[in-house]
N, C-alpha and C. Protein backbone atom coordinates (compact mmCIF):
# COMPACT_ATOMS: atom_id res chain seq x y z
N SER A 1 -29.03 131.18 44.43
CA SER A 1 -27.91 131.48 45.29
C SER A 1 -28.36 131.40 46.75
N LEU A 2 -27.55 130.78 47.57
CA LEU A 2 -27.86 130.62 48.98
C LEU A 2 -28.03 131.97 49.67
N ILE A 3 -27.30 132.96 49.22
CA ILE A 3 -27.33 134.28 49.84
C ILE A 3 -28.71 134.93 49.68
N ARG A 4 -29.36 134.68 48.56
CA ARG A 4 -30.66 135.32 48.30
C ARG A 4 -31.85 134.50 48.78
N GLN A 5 -31.61 133.30 49.29
CA GLN A 5 -32.71 132.43 49.70
C GLN A 5 -33.15 132.72 51.13
N GLU A 6 -34.37 132.29 51.42
CA GLU A 6 -34.93 132.48 52.75
C GLU A 6 -35.69 131.24 53.17
N GLY A 7 -35.96 131.16 54.46
CA GLY A 7 -36.84 130.12 55.00
C GLY A 7 -36.36 128.70 54.78
N LYS A 8 -37.33 127.82 54.48
CA LYS A 8 -37.05 126.40 54.34
C LYS A 8 -36.06 126.10 53.21
N LYS A 9 -36.19 126.80 52.10
CA LYS A 9 -35.28 126.58 50.98
C LYS A 9 -33.83 126.90 51.38
N TRP A 10 -33.63 128.01 52.09
CA TRP A 10 -32.31 128.40 52.57
C TRP A 10 -31.77 127.34 53.53
N ARG A 11 -32.61 126.92 54.48
CA ARG A 11 -32.19 125.94 55.49
C ARG A 11 -31.81 124.60 54.84
N ASP A 12 -32.62 124.14 53.88
CA ASP A 12 -32.33 122.88 53.20
C ASP A 12 -31.02 122.95 52.43
N ASN A 13 -30.82 124.03 51.70
CA ASN A 13 -29.58 124.17 50.92
C ASN A 13 -28.37 124.38 51.81
N ARG A 14 -28.53 125.11 52.91
CA ARG A 14 -27.43 125.28 53.86
C ARG A 14 -27.03 123.93 54.43
N ASN A 15 -27.99 123.09 54.74
CA ASN A 15 -27.69 121.76 55.27
C ASN A 15 -26.97 120.88 54.25
N LEU A 16 -27.25 121.09 52.97
CA LEU A 16 -26.52 120.35 51.93
C LEU A 16 -25.05 120.74 51.91
N LEU A 17 -24.76 122.00 52.17
CA LEU A 17 -23.39 122.50 52.14
C LEU A 17 -22.62 122.24 53.43
N ARG A 18 -23.31 122.01 54.51
CA ARG A 18 -22.68 121.88 55.82
C ARG A 18 -21.53 120.86 55.85
N PRO A 19 -21.65 119.67 55.24
CA PRO A 19 -20.53 118.71 55.30
C PRO A 19 -19.24 119.25 54.68
N SER A 20 -19.35 120.19 53.78
CA SER A 20 -18.16 120.77 53.14
C SER A 20 -17.38 121.67 54.08
N PHE A 21 -17.96 122.03 55.20
CA PHE A 21 -17.32 122.98 56.09
C PHE A 21 -16.98 122.39 57.46
N ASN A 22 -16.78 121.06 57.50
CA ASN A 22 -16.33 120.47 58.76
C ASN A 22 -14.81 120.64 58.88
N LEU A 23 -14.27 120.36 60.05
CA LEU A 23 -12.86 120.61 60.31
C LEU A 23 -11.95 119.85 59.35
N LYS A 24 -12.26 118.60 59.05
CA LYS A 24 -11.43 117.80 58.14
C LYS A 24 -11.41 118.42 56.74
N SER A 25 -12.57 118.80 56.24
CA SER A 25 -12.64 119.42 54.91
C SER A 25 -11.89 120.73 54.86
N LEU A 26 -12.07 121.55 55.89
CA LEU A 26 -11.40 122.84 55.92
C LEU A 26 -9.89 122.67 55.97
N THR A 27 -9.41 121.67 56.69
CA THR A 27 -7.97 121.39 56.74
C THR A 27 -7.46 121.04 55.35
N GLN A 28 -8.22 120.24 54.62
CA GLN A 28 -7.82 119.89 53.25
C GLN A 28 -7.85 121.12 52.35
N TYR A 29 -8.81 121.99 52.55
CA TYR A 29 -8.89 123.21 51.75
C TYR A 29 -7.67 124.08 51.99
N PHE A 30 -7.26 124.21 53.25
CA PHE A 30 -6.12 125.07 53.56
C PHE A 30 -4.85 124.57 52.88
N THR A 31 -4.70 123.27 52.78
CA THR A 31 -3.54 122.72 52.06
C THR A 31 -3.60 123.12 50.59
N THR A 32 -4.77 123.02 50.01
CA THR A 32 -4.96 123.43 48.61
C THR A 32 -4.72 124.92 48.46
N PHE A 33 -5.30 125.72 49.36
CA PHE A 33 -5.09 127.17 49.32
C PHE A 33 -3.61 127.50 49.35
N LYS A 34 -2.90 126.88 50.27
CA LYS A 34 -1.47 127.18 50.42
C LYS A 34 -0.70 126.83 49.15
N THR A 35 -0.99 125.70 48.56
CA THR A 35 -0.30 125.28 47.33
C THR A 35 -0.55 126.27 46.20
N ILE A 36 -1.80 126.64 46.01
CA ILE A 36 -2.14 127.55 44.90
C ILE A 36 -1.63 128.96 45.18
N ILE A 37 -1.73 129.43 46.41
CA ILE A 37 -1.25 130.77 46.74
C ILE A 37 0.26 130.85 46.64
N THR A 38 0.96 129.78 46.98
CA THR A 38 2.42 129.75 46.81
C THR A 38 2.78 129.89 45.33
N LYS A 39 2.03 129.21 44.48
CA LYS A 39 2.23 129.32 43.03
C LYS A 39 1.96 130.75 42.57
N PHE A 40 0.88 131.33 43.05
CA PHE A 40 0.50 132.71 42.74
C PHE A 40 1.62 133.67 43.13
N ASP A 41 2.17 133.48 44.32
CA ASP A 41 3.25 134.32 44.83
C ASP A 41 4.49 134.23 43.92
N LYS A 42 4.85 133.02 43.52
CA LYS A 42 6.01 132.83 42.64
C LYS A 42 5.80 133.52 41.29
N ILE A 43 4.60 133.42 40.75
CA ILE A 43 4.30 134.05 39.46
C ILE A 43 4.43 135.56 39.56
N LEU A 44 3.85 136.16 40.61
CA LEU A 44 3.95 137.61 40.78
C LEU A 44 5.39 138.06 40.99
N LYS A 45 6.14 137.33 41.80
CA LYS A 45 7.55 137.68 42.01
C LYS A 45 8.33 137.62 40.71
N GLN A 46 8.05 136.63 39.88
CA GLN A 46 8.73 136.50 38.59
C GLN A 46 8.38 137.68 37.67
N GLU A 47 7.12 138.07 37.67
CA GLU A 47 6.70 139.24 36.87
C GLU A 47 7.47 140.49 37.30
N ILE A 48 7.60 140.68 38.60
CA ILE A 48 8.30 141.85 39.12
C ILE A 48 9.79 141.79 38.80
N GLU A 49 10.39 140.60 38.94
CA GLU A 49 11.81 140.44 38.63
C GLU A 49 12.09 140.68 37.14
N ASN A 50 11.19 140.24 36.29
CA ASN A 50 11.37 140.41 34.84
C ASN A 50 11.35 141.88 34.43
N ASP A 51 10.50 142.66 35.06
CA ASP A 51 10.39 144.08 34.72
C ASP A 51 9.85 144.84 35.93
N PRO A 52 10.75 145.32 36.80
CA PRO A 52 10.32 146.00 38.04
C PRO A 52 9.45 147.23 37.81
N ASP A 53 9.54 147.86 36.64
CA ASP A 53 8.77 149.07 36.37
C ASP A 53 7.45 148.80 35.66
N LYS A 54 7.21 147.55 35.34
CA LYS A 54 6.00 147.18 34.59
C LYS A 54 4.76 147.28 35.48
N TYR A 55 3.69 147.78 34.90
CA TYR A 55 2.39 147.82 35.57
C TYR A 55 1.83 146.40 35.58
N ILE A 56 1.44 145.92 36.74
CA ILE A 56 0.86 144.58 36.86
C ILE A 56 -0.63 144.72 37.13
N ASN A 57 -1.43 144.11 36.30
CA ASN A 57 -2.87 144.12 36.47
C ASN A 57 -3.23 143.05 37.51
N ILE A 58 -3.23 143.43 38.77
CA ILE A 58 -3.47 142.47 39.86
C ILE A 58 -4.87 141.87 39.77
N HIS A 59 -5.81 142.62 39.22
CA HIS A 59 -7.19 142.12 39.09
C HIS A 59 -7.24 140.84 38.27
N SER A 60 -6.53 140.81 37.14
CA SER A 60 -6.56 139.61 36.31
C SER A 60 -5.90 138.43 37.02
N TYR A 61 -4.86 138.71 37.80
CA TYR A 61 -4.21 137.64 38.56
C TYR A 61 -5.13 137.12 39.68
N MET A 62 -5.88 138.01 40.29
CA MET A 62 -6.80 137.60 41.35
C MET A 62 -7.93 136.74 40.79
N ILE A 63 -8.39 137.07 39.59
CA ILE A 63 -9.41 136.24 38.94
C ILE A 63 -8.86 134.85 38.69
N LYS A 64 -7.64 134.78 38.17
CA LYS A 64 -7.02 133.48 37.90
C LYS A 64 -6.83 132.68 39.19
N LEU A 65 -6.40 133.36 40.25
CA LEU A 65 -6.24 132.71 41.55
C LEU A 65 -7.57 132.14 42.03
N THR A 66 -8.61 132.93 41.93
CA THR A 66 -9.94 132.50 42.37
C THR A 66 -10.44 131.32 41.56
N VAL A 67 -10.26 131.36 40.25
CA VAL A 67 -10.70 130.27 39.38
C VAL A 67 -9.97 128.98 39.75
N ASP A 68 -8.66 129.05 39.97
CA ASP A 68 -7.90 127.85 40.31
C ASP A 68 -8.31 127.29 41.67
N ILE A 69 -8.54 128.17 42.65
CA ILE A 69 -8.98 127.70 43.96
C ILE A 69 -10.37 127.07 43.87
N LEU A 70 -11.30 127.73 43.21
CA LEU A 70 -12.65 127.18 43.06
C LEU A 70 -12.63 125.86 42.30
N GLY A 71 -11.81 125.79 41.27
CA GLY A 71 -11.71 124.55 40.50
C GLY A 71 -11.25 123.39 41.34
N GLU A 72 -10.19 123.61 42.12
CA GLU A 72 -9.63 122.53 42.95
C GLU A 72 -10.55 122.17 44.11
N VAL A 73 -11.00 123.17 44.86
CA VAL A 73 -11.79 122.91 46.05
C VAL A 73 -13.21 122.50 45.70
N GLY A 74 -13.81 123.20 44.76
CA GLY A 74 -15.21 122.96 44.44
C GLY A 74 -15.48 121.81 43.50
N PHE A 75 -14.54 121.55 42.59
CA PHE A 75 -14.80 120.56 41.55
C PHE A 75 -13.71 119.51 41.41
N GLY A 76 -12.61 119.67 42.15
CA GLY A 76 -11.51 118.71 42.04
C GLY A 76 -10.81 118.78 40.70
N LEU A 77 -10.87 119.95 40.05
CA LEU A 77 -10.28 120.11 38.73
C LEU A 77 -9.19 121.17 38.75
N ASN A 78 -8.15 120.95 37.98
CA ASN A 78 -7.10 121.94 37.82
C ASN A 78 -7.38 122.71 36.55
N PHE A 79 -7.93 123.91 36.67
CA PHE A 79 -8.26 124.72 35.50
C PHE A 79 -7.02 125.33 34.86
N GLY A 80 -5.93 125.45 35.60
CA GLY A 80 -4.69 125.98 35.04
C GLY A 80 -4.74 127.45 34.71
N ALA A 81 -5.57 128.20 35.39
CA ALA A 81 -5.71 129.62 35.10
C ALA A 81 -4.40 130.38 35.36
N LEU A 82 -3.73 130.08 36.46
CA LEU A 82 -2.48 130.77 36.77
C LEU A 82 -1.38 130.42 35.77
N ASP A 83 -1.49 129.27 35.15
CA ASP A 83 -0.51 128.84 34.14
C ASP A 83 -0.91 129.29 32.73
N ASP A 84 -2.01 130.02 32.64
CA ASP A 84 -2.56 130.43 31.34
C ASP A 84 -2.87 129.23 30.46
N LYS A 85 -3.27 128.13 31.07
CA LYS A 85 -3.60 126.91 30.33
C LYS A 85 -5.09 126.63 30.29
N MET A 86 -5.88 127.53 30.87
CA MET A 86 -7.31 127.26 30.88
C MET A 86 -7.90 127.56 29.52
N VAL A 87 -8.47 126.56 28.94
CA VAL A 87 -9.01 126.71 27.60
C VAL A 87 -10.36 127.41 27.67
N ASP A 88 -11.31 126.80 28.26
CA ASP A 88 -12.61 127.44 28.42
C ASP A 88 -13.07 127.35 29.86
N ALA A 89 -12.10 127.40 30.79
CA ALA A 89 -12.44 127.23 32.20
C ALA A 89 -13.38 128.31 32.70
N LEU A 90 -13.16 129.56 32.31
CA LEU A 90 -14.04 130.62 32.79
C LEU A 90 -15.45 130.44 32.25
N GLY A 91 -15.55 130.06 31.00
CA GLY A 91 -16.87 129.80 30.42
C GLY A 91 -17.55 128.63 31.10
N LEU A 92 -16.78 127.58 31.36
CA LEU A 92 -17.30 126.41 32.05
C LEU A 92 -17.76 126.78 33.46
N LEU A 93 -16.91 127.51 34.17
CA LEU A 93 -17.26 127.92 35.53
C LEU A 93 -18.51 128.81 35.52
N GLY A 94 -18.58 129.72 34.58
CA GLY A 94 -19.76 130.57 34.47
C GLY A 94 -21.02 129.76 34.21
N SER A 95 -20.91 128.76 33.35
CA SER A 95 -22.06 127.90 33.06
C SER A 95 -22.49 127.12 34.30
N ILE A 96 -21.52 126.61 35.03
CA ILE A 96 -21.83 125.86 36.25
C ILE A 96 -22.52 126.77 37.26
N MET A 97 -21.99 127.98 37.43
CA MET A 97 -22.58 128.91 38.39
C MET A 97 -24.01 129.29 37.98
N MET A 98 -24.23 129.50 36.70
CA MET A 98 -25.58 129.83 36.23
C MET A 98 -26.52 128.65 36.47
N TYR A 99 -26.04 127.45 36.18
CA TYR A 99 -26.86 126.25 36.39
C TYR A 99 -27.24 126.12 37.85
N MET A 100 -26.23 126.26 38.73
CA MET A 100 -26.49 126.13 40.16
C MET A 100 -27.43 127.22 40.64
N GLY A 101 -27.27 128.44 40.12
CA GLY A 101 -28.15 129.53 40.51
C GLY A 101 -29.58 129.29 40.09
N ASN A 102 -29.77 128.73 38.90
CA ASN A 102 -31.11 128.44 38.41
C ASN A 102 -31.74 127.24 39.11
N LYS A 103 -30.91 126.27 39.46
CA LYS A 103 -31.41 125.04 40.07
C LYS A 103 -31.88 125.29 41.49
N TYR A 104 -31.17 126.15 42.20
CA TYR A 104 -31.50 126.37 43.61
C TYR A 104 -32.05 127.75 43.79
């Protein structure tokens, strides 16, 4: 993980990530964020309209939101977490994160 690295290894890995954070890339990310967050907003509003007294587990929705954003921005994949269509997306994402953590 970049957060736990120091010295030359940190600097080298930070430089690998730098192109992902230029103005053009960030602008593209914001468009993706807006699209996914708009979907998230519609889903929550529908849940509330269906049953205003129902307890909503916001934590599970936030996990789904995060998975969909990471999938689109990080991997160019639509995991479908907000649509409850992700088959093994969390397992796949976990495997990728473990691989990346071990590799770097």
